[in-house]
Amino acid sequence: MNGNSIEQVMTETRTRMRKSVEDLSRELATVRTGRASLHLFDPIKVDYYGTLTPLNQLATLHVAEAAMVTIQPWDPTQIESITRAILASNLGLNPSSDGRLIRVPIPPLTEERRKQLAKHVRKVTEQHRTAVRNIRRSSNDRLKKLSRSKVISEDEEHRGYDQVQKITDGFIAQADDLGRQKESEILEV
């Protein structure tokens, strides 16, 4: 990274931390909560004539009711391969088909499974908090190098550290909020 001003360091710090929090948001969206969610199907890939293709590129997905997702394949000959992909996804879902439409009931989570998922959410959130802290360390190292090479003064270096810490605190708070929201969704009966 070639940055020779505090502004560049701050801009890159914000961008990298934002990407980390956005990644956390995407990852948490795929965690099952007992409610129907289309994001649950994001990781599912279907064998479409020898090519693994994301399910949402082969069909229209719709939340029919709180605990039911319907899947309308654009190519009806793919119903069987879509059903197989859902069964192989280890999401604990049991799709059924009438030849045109696939219905996927979302079963309620057991108390034990809720606790496992909440633990997983805490782990994923902590991994992203650690990523944000690593970005902070990297940014502080760059500020230190700028100070050593006399591009910025020591006072500017210390002001830079304070700015990086404020940015870090904001993104850690966002990650914590996302984790808490997902955990409460999971534990809600």
C-alpha atoms as a PDB file:
ATOM      1  CA  MET A   1       0.000   0.000   0.000  1.00  0.00           C
ATOM      2  CA  ASN A   2       1.484   3.250  -0.936  1.00  0.00           C
ATOM      3  CA  GLY A   3       0.030   6.041   1.092  1.00  0.00           C
ATOM      4  CA  ASN A   4       1.940   9.117   2.005  1.00  0.00           C
ATOM      5  CA  SER A   5      -0.658  11.170   3.809  1.00  0.00           C
ATOM      6  CA  ILE A   6      -2.854  10.751   6.830  1.00  0.00           C
ATOM      7  CA  GLU A   7      -5.952  11.251   4.650  1.00  0.00           C
ATOM      8  CA  GLN A   8      -4.959   8.338   2.399  1.00  0.00           C
ATOM      9  CA  VAL A   9      -4.366   6.115   5.435  1.00  0.00           C
ATOM     10  CA  MET A  10      -7.786   7.048   6.885  1.00  0.00           C
ATOM     11  CA  THR A  11      -9.583   6.520   3.575  1.00  0.00           C
ATOM     12  CA  GLU A  12      -8.026   3.076   3.088  1.00  0.00           C
ATOM     13  CA  THR A  13      -8.698   2.194   6.740  1.00  0.00           C
ATOM     14  CA  ARG A  14     -12.405   3.065   6.395  1.00  0.00           C
ATOM     15  CA  THR A  15     -12.706   1.205   3.080  1.00  0.00           C
ATOM     16  CA  ARG A  16     -11.061  -1.975   4.374  1.00  0.00           C
ATOM     17  CA  MET A  17     -13.042  -1.950   7.639  1.00  0.00           C
ATOM     18  CA  ARG A  18     -16.312  -1.310   5.770  1.00  0.00           C
ATOM     19  CA  LYS A  19     -15.591  -4.335   3.553  1.00  0.00           C
ATOM     20  CA  SER A  20     -14.992  -6.479   6.631  1.00  0.00           C
ATOM     21  CA  VAL A  21     -18.326  -5.443   8.198  1.00  0.00           C
ATOM     22  CA  GLU A  22     -20.151  -5.951   4.863  1.00  0.00           C
ATOM     23  CA  ASP A  23     -18.654  -9.449   4.668  1.00  0.00           C
ATOM     24  CA  LEU A  24     -19.919 -10.142   8.197  1.00  0.00           C
ATOM     25  CA  SER A  25     -23.387  -8.985   7.164  1.00  0.00           C
ATOM     26  CA  ARG A  26     -23.378 -11.300   4.123  1.00  0.00           C
ATOM     27  CA  GLU A  27     -22.126 -14.239   6.171  1.00  0.00           C
ATOM     28  CA  LEU A  28     -24.732 -13.733   8.904  1.00  0.00           C
ATOM     29  CA  ALA A  29     -27.505 -13.527   6.293  1.00  0.00           C
ATOM     30  CA  THR A  30     -26.869 -17.180   5.393  1.00  0.00           C
ATOM     31  CA  VAL A  31     -27.348 -18.418   8.987  1.00  0.00           C
ATOM     32  CA  ARG A  32     -30.712 -20.113   9.463  1.00  0.00           C
ATOM     33  CA  THR A  33     -33.035 -18.504  12.022  1.00  0.00           C
ATOM     34  CA  GLY A  34     -36.200 -20.618  11.793  1.00  0.00           C
ATOM     35  CA  ARG A  35     -37.840 -18.002   9.580  1.00  0.00           C
ATOM     36  CA  ALA A  36     -37.979 -18.220   5.820  1.00  0.00           C
ATOM     37  CA  SER A  37     -35.178 -16.205   4.234  1.00  0.00           C
ATOM     38  CA  LEU A  38     -33.972 -16.224   0.646  1.00  0.00           C
ATOM     39  CA  HIS A  39     -30.376 -15.577   1.812  1.00  0.00           C
ATOM     40  CA  LEU A  40     -30.427 -19.052   3.298  1.00  0.00           C
ATOM     41  CA  PHE A  41     -30.209 -20.382  -0.268  1.00  0.00           C
ATOM     42  CA  ASP A  42     -27.274 -18.146  -1.357  1.00  0.00           C
ATOM     43  CA  PRO A  43     -24.572 -20.803  -0.857  1.00  0.00           C
ATOM     44  CA  ILE A  44     -26.505 -23.513  -2.755  1.00  0.00           C
ATOM     45  CA  LYS A  45     -25.039 -24.427  -6.144  1.00  0.00           C
ATOM     46  CA  VAL A  46     -26.931 -26.674  -8.588  1.00  0.00           C
ATOM     47  CA  ASP A  47     -25.368 -28.986 -11.173  1.00  0.00           C
ATOM     48  CA  TYR A  48     -26.784 -27.355 -14.313  1.00  0.00           C
ATOM     49  CA  TYR A  49     -25.622 -29.411 -17.287  1.00  0.00           C
ATOM     50  CA  GLY A  50     -22.231 -30.034 -15.674  1.00  0.00           C
ATOM     51  CA  THR A  51     -21.703 -26.504 -14.317  1.00  0.00           C
ATOM     52  CA  LEU A  52     -22.224 -25.615 -10.662  1.00  0.00           C
ATOM     53  CA  THR A  53     -24.596 -22.647 -10.849  1.00  0.00           C
ATOM     54  CA  PRO A  54     -26.041 -20.567  -7.978  1.00  0.00           C
ATOM     55  CA  LEU A  55     -29.664 -21.530  -7.329  1.00  0.00           C
ATOM     56  CA  ASN A  56     -30.869 -17.930  -7.700  1.00  0.00           C
ATOM     57  CA  GLN A  57     -29.605 -17.962 -11.317  1.00  0.00           C
ATOM     58  CA  LEU A  58     -31.809 -20.953 -12.187  1.00  0.00           C
ATOM     59  CA  ALA A  59     -35.085 -20.123 -10.494  1.00  0.00           C
ATOM     60  CA  THR A  60     -37.292 -17.519  -8.885  1.00  0.00           C
ATOM     61  CA  LEU A  61     -37.245 -17.817  -5.098  1.00  0.00           C
ATOM     62  CA  HIS A  62     -40.130 -16.453  -3.056  1.00  0.00           C
ATOM     63  CA  VAL A  63     -40.991 -16.354   0.645  1.00  0.00           C
ATOM     64  CA  ALA A  64     -44.530 -17.724   0.472  1.00  0.00           C
ATOM     65  CA  GLU A  65     -45.157 -17.491   4.217  1.00  0.00           C
ATOM     66  CA  ALA A  66     -43.158 -17.143   7.438  1.00  0.00           C
ATOM     67  CA  ALA A  67     -41.895 -20.726   7.317  1.00  0.00           C
ATOM     68  CA  MET A  68     -42.084 -21.575   3.599  1.00  0.00           C
ATOM     69  CA  VAL A  69     -39.976 -20.737   0.552  1.00  0.00           C
ATOM     70  CA  THR A  70     -41.122 -21.597  -2.954  1.00  0.00           C
ATOM     71  CA  ILE A  71     -38.736 -22.124  -5.844  1.00  0.00           C
ATOM     72  CA  GLN A  72     -39.973 -21.805  -9.415  1.00  0.00           C
ATOM     73  CA  PRO A  73     -37.289 -23.165 -11.799  1.00  0.00           C
ATOM     74  CA  TRP A  74     -37.075 -21.397 -15.168  1.00  0.00           C
ATOM     75  CA  ASP A  75     -36.249 -24.774 -16.711  1.00  0.00           C
ATOM     76  CA  PRO A  76     -38.694 -27.370 -15.274  1.00  0.00           C
ATOM     77  CA  THR A  77     -36.289 -30.188 -16.185  1.00  0.00           C
ATOM     78  CA  GLN A  78     -34.021 -28.908 -13.367  1.00  0.00           C
ATOM     79  CA  ILE A  79     -36.467 -29.586 -10.519  1.00  0.00           C
ATOM     80  CA  GLU A  80     -34.743 -32.850  -9.597  1.00  0.00           C
ATOM     81  CA  SER A  81     -31.220 -31.381  -9.605  1.00  0.00           C
ATOM     82  CA  ILE A  82     -32.371 -28.351  -7.565  1.00  0.00           C
ATOM     83  CA  THR A  83     -34.037 -30.659  -5.035  1.00  0.00           C
ATOM     84  CA  ARG A  84     -30.835 -32.756  -4.802  1.00  0.00           C
ATOM     85  CA  ALA A  85     -28.718 -29.615  -4.270  1.00  0.00           C
ATOM     86  CA  ILE A  86     -30.985 -28.424  -1.437  1.00  0.00           C
ATOM     87  CA  LEU A  87     -30.872 -31.849   0.241  1.00  0.00           C
ATOM     88  CA  ALA A  88     -27.058 -31.969  -0.117  1.00  0.00           C
ATOM     89  CA  SER A  89     -26.630 -28.476   1.366  1.00  0.00           C
ATOM     90  CA  ASN A  90     -26.751 -29.733   4.993  1.00  0.00           C
ATOM     91  CA  LEU A  91     -29.225 -27.003   5.907  1.00  0.00           C
ATOM     92  CA  GLY A  92     -31.676 -29.574   7.266  1.00  0.00           C
ATOM     93  CA  LEU A  93     -34.305 -28.674   4.664  1.00  0.00           C
ATOM     94  CA  ASN A  94     -36.689 -31.133   3.033  1.00  0.00           C
ATOM     95  CA  PRO A  95     -37.991 -29.805  -0.303  1.00  0.00           C
ATOM     96  CA  SER A  96     -41.060 -31.230  -2.049  1.00  0.00           C
ATOM     97  CA  SER A  97     -42.141 -30.740  -5.647  1.00  0.00           C
ATOM     98  CA  ASP A  98     -45.361 -30.937  -7.643  1.00  0.00           C
ATOM     99  CA  GLY A  99     -43.531 -31.023 -10.990  1.00  0.00           C
ATOM    100  CA  ARG A 100     -43.642 -27.232 -11.490  1.00  0.00           C
ATOM    101  CA  LEU A 101     -42.882 -25.694  -8.101  1.00  0.00           C
ATOM    102  CA  ILE A 102     -40.563 -26.697  -5.261  1.00  0.00           C
ATOM    103  CA  ARG A 103     -41.821 -25.981  -1.747  1.00  0.00           C
ATOM    104  CA  VAL A 104     -39.261 -25.803   1.041  1.00  0.00           C
ATOM    105  CA  PRO A 105     -40.745 -25.692   4.543  1.00  0.00           C
ATOM    106  CA  ILE A 106     -38.373 -24.097   7.056  1.00  0.00           C
ATOM    107  CA  PRO A 107     -38.618 -26.274  10.169  1.00  0.00           C
ATOM    108  CA  PRO A 108     -38.464 -24.631  13.593  1.00  0.00           C
ATOM    109  CA  LEU A 109     -35.068 -24.829  15.271  1.00  0.00           C
ATOM    110  CA  THR A 110     -34.554 -27.017  18.318  1.00  0.00           C
ATOM    111  CA  GLU A 111     -33.262 -25.326  21.466  1.00  0.00           C
ATOM    112  CA  GLU A 112     -29.934 -27.126  21.079  1.00  0.00           C
ATOM    113  CA  ARG A 113     -29.598 -26.020  17.438  1.00  0.00           C
ATOM    114  CA  ARG A 114     -30.458 -22.423  18.399  1.00  0.00           C
ATOM    115  CA  LYS A 115     -27.624 -22.452  20.928  1.00  0.00           C
ATOM    116  CA  GLN A 116     -25.197 -23.909  18.358  1.00  0.00           C
ATOM    117  CA  LEU A 117     -26.147 -21.256  15.810  1.00  0.00           C
ATOM    118  CA  ALA A 118     -25.856 -18.455  18.390  1.00  0.00           C
ATOM    119  CA  LYS A 119     -22.380 -19.738  19.269  1.00  0.00           C
ATOM    120  CA  HIS A 120     -21.487 -19.802  15.553  1.00  0.00           C
ATOM    121  CA  VAL A 121     -22.725 -16.203  15.156  1.00  0.00           C
ATOM    122  CA  ARG A 122     -20.562 -15.075  18.096  1.00  0.00           C
ATOM    123  CA  LYS A 123     -17.535 -16.847  16.568  1.00  0.00           C
ATOM    124  CA  VAL A 124     -18.062 -15.298  13.107  1.00  0.00           C
ATOM    125  CA  THR A 125     -18.610 -11.854  14.655  1.00  0.00           C
ATOM    126  CA  GLU A 126     -15.396 -12.175  16.672  1.00  0.00           C
ATOM    127  CA  GLN A 127     -13.449 -13.189  13.538  1.00  0.00           C
ATOM    128  CA  HIS A 128     -14.610 -10.006  11.819  1.00  0.00           C
ATOM    129  CA  ARG A 129     -13.850  -7.895  14.911  1.00  0.00           C
ATOM    130  CA  THR A 130     -10.333  -9.360  14.796  1.00  0.00           C
ATOM    131  CA  ALA A 131     -10.072  -8.474  11.100  1.00  0.00           C
ATOM    132  CA  VAL A 132     -11.022  -4.865  11.912  1.00  0.00           C
ATOM    133  CA  ARG A 133      -8.395  -4.759  14.694  1.00  0.00           C
ATOM    134  CA  ASN A 134      -5.776  -6.145  12.271  1.00  0.00           C
ATOM    135  CA  ILE A 135      -6.627  -3.355   9.832  1.00  0.00           C
ATOM    136  CA  ARG A 136      -6.162  -0.863  12.707  1.00  0.00           C
ATOM    137  CA  ARG A 137      -2.712  -2.312  13.440  1.00  0.00           C
ATOM    138  CA  SER A 138      -1.764  -2.117   9.763  1.00  0.00           C
ATOM    139  CA  SER A 139      -2.906   1.515   9.567  1.00  0.00           C
ATOM    140  CA  ASN A 140      -1.008   2.429  12.727  1.00  0.00           C
ATOM    141  CA  ASP A 141       2.134   0.797  11.276  1.00  0.00           C
ATOM    142  CA  ARG A 142       1.772   2.937   8.156  1.00  0.00           C
ATOM    143  CA  LEU A 143       1.420   6.069  10.298  1.00  0.00           C
ATOM    144  CA  LYS A 144       4.553   5.053  12.203  1.00  0.00           C
ATOM    145  CA  LYS A 145       6.472   4.639   8.916  1.00  0.00           C
ATOM    146  CA  LEU A 146       5.287   8.046   7.697  1.00  0.00           C
ATOM    147  CA  SER A 147       6.511   9.603  10.939  1.00  0.00           C
ATOM    148  CA  ARG A 148       9.894   7.835  10.806  1.00  0.00           C
ATOM    149  CA  SER A 149      10.436   8.965   7.229  1.00  0.00           C
ATOM    150  CA  LYS A 150       9.555  12.545   8.327  1.00  0.00           C
ATOM    151  CA  VAL A 151       6.543  12.771   5.970  1.00  0.00           C
ATOM    152  CA  ILE A 152       4.374  13.648   8.989  1.00  0.00           C
ATOM    153  CA  SER A 153       5.266  15.039  12.427  1.00  0.00           C
ATOM    154  CA  GLU A 154       4.975  13.086  15.687  1.00  0.00           C
ATOM    155  CA  ASP A 155       1.924  15.156  16.633  1.00  0.00           C
ATOM    156  CA  GLU A 156       0.250  14.254  13.333  1.00  0.00           C
ATOM    157  CA  GLU A 157       1.166  10.613  13.949  1.00  0.00           C
ATOM    158  CA  HIS A 158      -0.575  10.658  17.348  1.00  0.00           C
ATOM    159  CA  ARG A 159      -3.625  12.468  15.937  1.00  0.00           C
ATOM    160  CA  GLY A 160      -3.682   9.783  13.221  1.00  0.00           C
ATOM    161  CA  TYR A 161      -3.653   7.034  15.869  1.00  0.00           C
ATOM    162  CA  ASP A 162      -6.637   8.705  17.562  1.00  0.00           C
ATOM    163  CA  GLN A 163      -8.523   8.944  14.243  1.00  0.00           C
ATOM    164  CA  VAL A 164      -7.811   5.285  13.429  1.00  0.00           C
ATOM    165  CA  GLN A 165      -9.047   4.277  16.904  1.00  0.00           C
ATOM    166  CA  LYS A 166     -12.300   6.236  16.442  1.00  0.00           C
ATOM    167  CA  ILE A 167     -12.869   4.611  13.042  1.00  0.00           C
ATOM    168  CA  THR A 168     -12.098   1.182  14.546  1.00  0.00           C
ATOM    169  CA  ASP A 169     -14.520   1.729  17.454  1.00  0.00           C
ATOM    170  CA  GLY A 170     -17.294   2.643  14.998  1.00  0.00           C
ATOM    171  CA  PHE A 171     -16.833  -0.449  12.840  1.00  0.00           C
ATOM    172  CA  ILE A 172     -16.472  -2.771  15.850  1.00  0.00           C
ATOM    173  CA  ALA A 173     -19.767  -1.350  17.179  1.00  0.00           C
ATOM    174  CA  GLN A 174     -21.422  -2.059  13.793  1.00  0.00           C
ATOM    175  CA  ALA A 175     -20.115  -5.645  13.844  1.00  0.00           C
ATOM    176  CA  ASP A 176     -21.358  -6.115  17.420  1.00  0.00           C
ATOM    177  CA  ASP A 177     -24.803  -4.769  16.463  1.00  0.00           C
ATOM    178  CA  LEU A 178     -25.063  -7.142  13.495  1.00  0.00           C
ATOM    179  CA  GLY A 179     -24.029 -10.084  15.690  1.00  0.00           C
ATOM    180  CA  ARG A 180     -26.479  -9.164  18.472  1.00  0.00           C
ATOM    181  CA  GLN A 181     -29.370  -8.738  16.013  1.00  0.00           C
ATOM    182  CA  LYS A 182     -28.720 -12.110  14.396  1.00  0.00           C
ATOM    183  CA  GLU A 183     -28.300 -13.823  17.750  1.00  0.00           C
ATOM    184  CA  SER A 184     -31.611 -12.428  19.021  1.00  0.00           C
ATOM    185  CA  GLU A 185     -33.331 -13.577  15.776  1.00  0.00           C
ATOM    186  CA  ILE A 186     -31.971 -17.085  16.345  1.00  0.00           C
ATOM    187  CA  LEU A 187     -32.871 -17.283  20.026  1.00  0.00           C
ATOM    188  CA  GLU A 188     -36.371 -15.844  19.456  1.00  0.00           C
ATOM    189  CA  VAL A 189     -38.865 -18.680  19.683  1.00  0.00           C
END
